[in-house]
Amino acid sequence: MYAPLQRLLGGEAKAKALWKFHRIGGYTTLTFTFVTPALAIGWSDWVVGHSTHAERVLMLAGLGLSFVGVLARVRVSKLGVRV
């Protein structure tokens, strides 16, 4: 851990707790970053009206592929979760 941050927060335990909270917040934000365009592609009247079914399938496939790539980098073990 970053030593000045530990002093600022009042110890290593508090710094690690803040880091864990920050990581969970990042994973939550990342989830919404993928869910929002997926919902827009599937149910937005504008997207449905201005694109073909094949285009929407390609957009969802690209989004899904990028999600799988990011998911491969997620390390839940760093949060103290045993899988």
C-alpha atoms as a PDB file:
ATOM      1  CA  MET A   1       0.000   0.000   0.000  1.00  0.00           C
ATOM      2  CA  TYR A   2       0.979   3.599  -0.503  1.00  0.00           C
ATOM      3  CA  ALA A   3       2.493   4.696   2.847  1.00  0.00           C
ATOM      4  CA  PRO A   4       1.305   8.358   2.898  1.00  0.00           C
ATOM      5  CA  LEU A   5      -2.213   7.174   2.131  1.00  0.00           C
ATOM      6  CA  GLN A   6      -2.043   4.772   5.056  1.00  0.00           C
ATOM      7  CA  ARG A   7      -1.079   7.613   7.371  1.00  0.00           C
ATOM      8  CA  LEU A   8      -3.835   9.809   5.966  1.00  0.00           C
ATOM      9  CA  LEU A   9      -6.513   7.153   6.428  1.00  0.00           C
ATOM     10  CA  GLY A  10      -5.321   5.964   9.811  1.00  0.00           C
ATOM     11  CA  GLY A  11      -3.650   2.647   9.093  1.00  0.00           C
ATOM     12  CA  GLU A  12      -3.156  -0.182   6.663  1.00  0.00           C
ATOM     13  CA  ALA A  13      -6.501  -1.853   7.421  1.00  0.00           C
ATOM     14  CA  LYS A  14      -8.477   1.288   6.589  1.00  0.00           C
ATOM     15  CA  ALA A  15      -6.443   1.857   3.421  1.00  0.00           C
ATOM     16  CA  LYS A  16      -7.093  -1.712   2.264  1.00  0.00           C
ATOM     17  CA  ALA A  17     -10.810  -1.353   3.016  1.00  0.00           C
ATOM     18  CA  LEU A  18     -10.941   1.822   0.930  1.00  0.00           C
ATOM     19  CA  TRP A  19      -9.063   0.093  -1.894  1.00  0.00           C
ATOM     20  CA  LYS A  20     -11.529  -2.833  -1.816  1.00  0.00           C
ATOM     21  CA  PHE A  21     -14.481  -0.417  -1.901  1.00  0.00           C
ATOM     22  CA  HIS A  22     -12.872   1.419  -4.827  1.00  0.00           C
ATOM     23  CA  ARG A  23     -12.376  -1.855  -6.732  1.00  0.00           C
ATOM     24  CA  ILE A  24     -15.991  -2.950  -6.157  1.00  0.00           C
ATOM     25  CA  GLY A  25     -17.173   0.455  -7.357  1.00  0.00           C
ATOM     26  CA  GLY A  26     -15.082   0.067 -10.492  1.00  0.00           C
ATOM     27  CA  TYR A  27     -16.513  -3.369 -11.245  1.00  0.00           C
ATOM     28  CA  THR A  28     -20.043  -2.035 -10.724  1.00  0.00           C
ATOM     29  CA  THR A  29     -19.397   0.898 -13.051  1.00  0.00           C
ATOM     30  CA  LEU A  30     -17.879  -1.444 -15.624  1.00  0.00           C
ATOM     31  CA  THR A  31     -20.981  -3.643 -15.492  1.00  0.00           C
ATOM     32  CA  PHE A  32     -23.248  -0.678 -16.179  1.00  0.00           C
ATOM     33  CA  THR A  33     -20.885   0.418 -18.966  1.00  0.00           C
ATOM     34  CA  PHE A  34     -21.665  -2.830 -20.803  1.00  0.00           C
ATOM     35  CA  VAL A  35     -25.343  -3.179 -19.841  1.00  0.00           C
ATOM     36  CA  THR A  36     -26.350   0.299 -21.035  1.00  0.00           C
ATOM     37  CA  PRO A  37     -25.315  -0.064 -24.695  1.00  0.00           C
ATOM     38  CA  ALA A  38     -26.580  -3.662 -24.759  1.00  0.00           C
ATOM     39  CA  LEU A  39     -30.027  -2.453 -23.722  1.00  0.00           C
ATOM     40  CA  ALA A  40     -29.868   0.424 -26.195  1.00  0.00           C
ATOM     41  CA  ILE A  41     -28.971  -1.921 -29.047  1.00  0.00           C
ATOM     42  CA  GLY A  42     -31.761  -4.334 -28.191  1.00  0.00           C
ATOM     43  CA  TRP A  43     -34.644  -2.083 -27.192  1.00  0.00           C
ATOM     44  CA  SER A  44     -34.012   1.490 -28.263  1.00  0.00           C
ATOM     45  CA  ASP A  45     -36.647   2.598 -30.782  1.00  0.00           C
ATOM     46  CA  TRP A  46     -34.094   4.718 -32.616  1.00  0.00           C
ATOM     47  CA  VAL A  47     -31.523   1.929 -32.972  1.00  0.00           C
ATOM     48  CA  VAL A  48     -34.179  -0.608 -33.954  1.00  0.00           C
ATOM     49  CA  GLY A  49     -35.657   1.810 -36.491  1.00  0.00           C
ATOM     50  CA  HIS A  50     -32.349   2.875 -38.053  1.00  0.00           C
ATOM     51  CA  SER A  51     -30.429  -0.405 -38.280  1.00  0.00           C
ATOM     52  CA  THR A  52     -30.978  -3.856 -39.644  1.00  0.00           C
ATOM     53  CA  HIS A  53     -31.202  -6.971 -37.546  1.00  0.00           C
ATOM     54  CA  ALA A  54     -27.778  -8.079 -38.809  1.00  0.00           C
ATOM     55  CA  GLU A  55     -26.212  -4.764 -37.729  1.00  0.00           C
ATOM     56  CA  ARG A  56     -27.675  -5.104 -34.255  1.00  0.00           C
ATOM     57  CA  VAL A  57     -26.384  -8.678 -34.000  1.00  0.00           C
ATOM     58  CA  LEU A  58     -22.906  -7.480 -35.013  1.00  0.00           C
ATOM     59  CA  MET A  59     -23.010  -4.651 -32.454  1.00  0.00           C
ATOM     60  CA  LEU A  60     -24.056  -7.039 -29.692  1.00  0.00           C
ATOM     61  CA  ALA A  61     -21.393  -9.552 -30.766  1.00  0.00           C
ATOM     62  CA  GLY A  62     -18.706  -6.863 -30.590  1.00  0.00           C
ATOM     63  CA  LEU A  63     -19.940  -5.700 -27.225  1.00  0.00           C
ATOM     64  CA  GLY A  64     -20.044  -9.280 -25.973  1.00  0.00           C
ATOM     65  CA  LEU A  65     -16.532  -9.965 -27.231  1.00  0.00           C
ATOM     66  CA  SER A  66     -15.162  -6.892 -25.478  1.00  0.00           C
ATOM     67  CA  PHE A  67     -17.032  -7.897 -22.306  1.00  0.00           C
ATOM     68  CA  VAL A  68     -15.403 -11.350 -22.391  1.00  0.00           C
ATOM     69  CA  GLY A  69     -11.998  -9.709 -22.854  1.00  0.00           C
ATOM     70  CA  VAL A  70     -12.511  -7.454 -19.863  1.00  0.00           C
ATOM     71  CA  LEU A  71     -14.001 -10.274 -17.798  1.00  0.00           C
ATOM     72  CA  ALA A  72     -10.819 -12.265 -18.320  1.00  0.00           C
ATOM     73  CA  ARG A  73      -8.901  -9.477 -16.541  1.00  0.00           C
ATOM     74  CA  VAL A  74     -11.196  -9.306 -13.482  1.00  0.00           C
ATOM     75  CA  ARG A  75      -9.591 -10.705 -10.343  1.00  0.00           C
ATOM     76  CA  VAL A  76     -12.219 -11.327  -7.671  1.00  0.00           C
ATOM     77  CA  SER A  77      -9.603 -13.047  -5.537  1.00  0.00           C
ATOM     78  CA  LYS A  78      -8.153  -9.607  -4.806  1.00  0.00           C
ATOM     79  CA  LEU A  79     -11.428  -8.802  -3.064  1.00  0.00           C
ATOM     80  CA  GLY A  80     -11.026 -11.719  -0.677  1.00  0.00           C
ATOM     81  CA  VAL A  81     -13.627 -13.860  -2.471  1.00  0.00           C
ATOM     82  CA  ARG A  82     -12.800 -17.532  -2.954  1.00  0.00           C
ATOM     83  CA  VAL A  83     -14.098 -18.993  -6.238  1.00  0.00           C
END
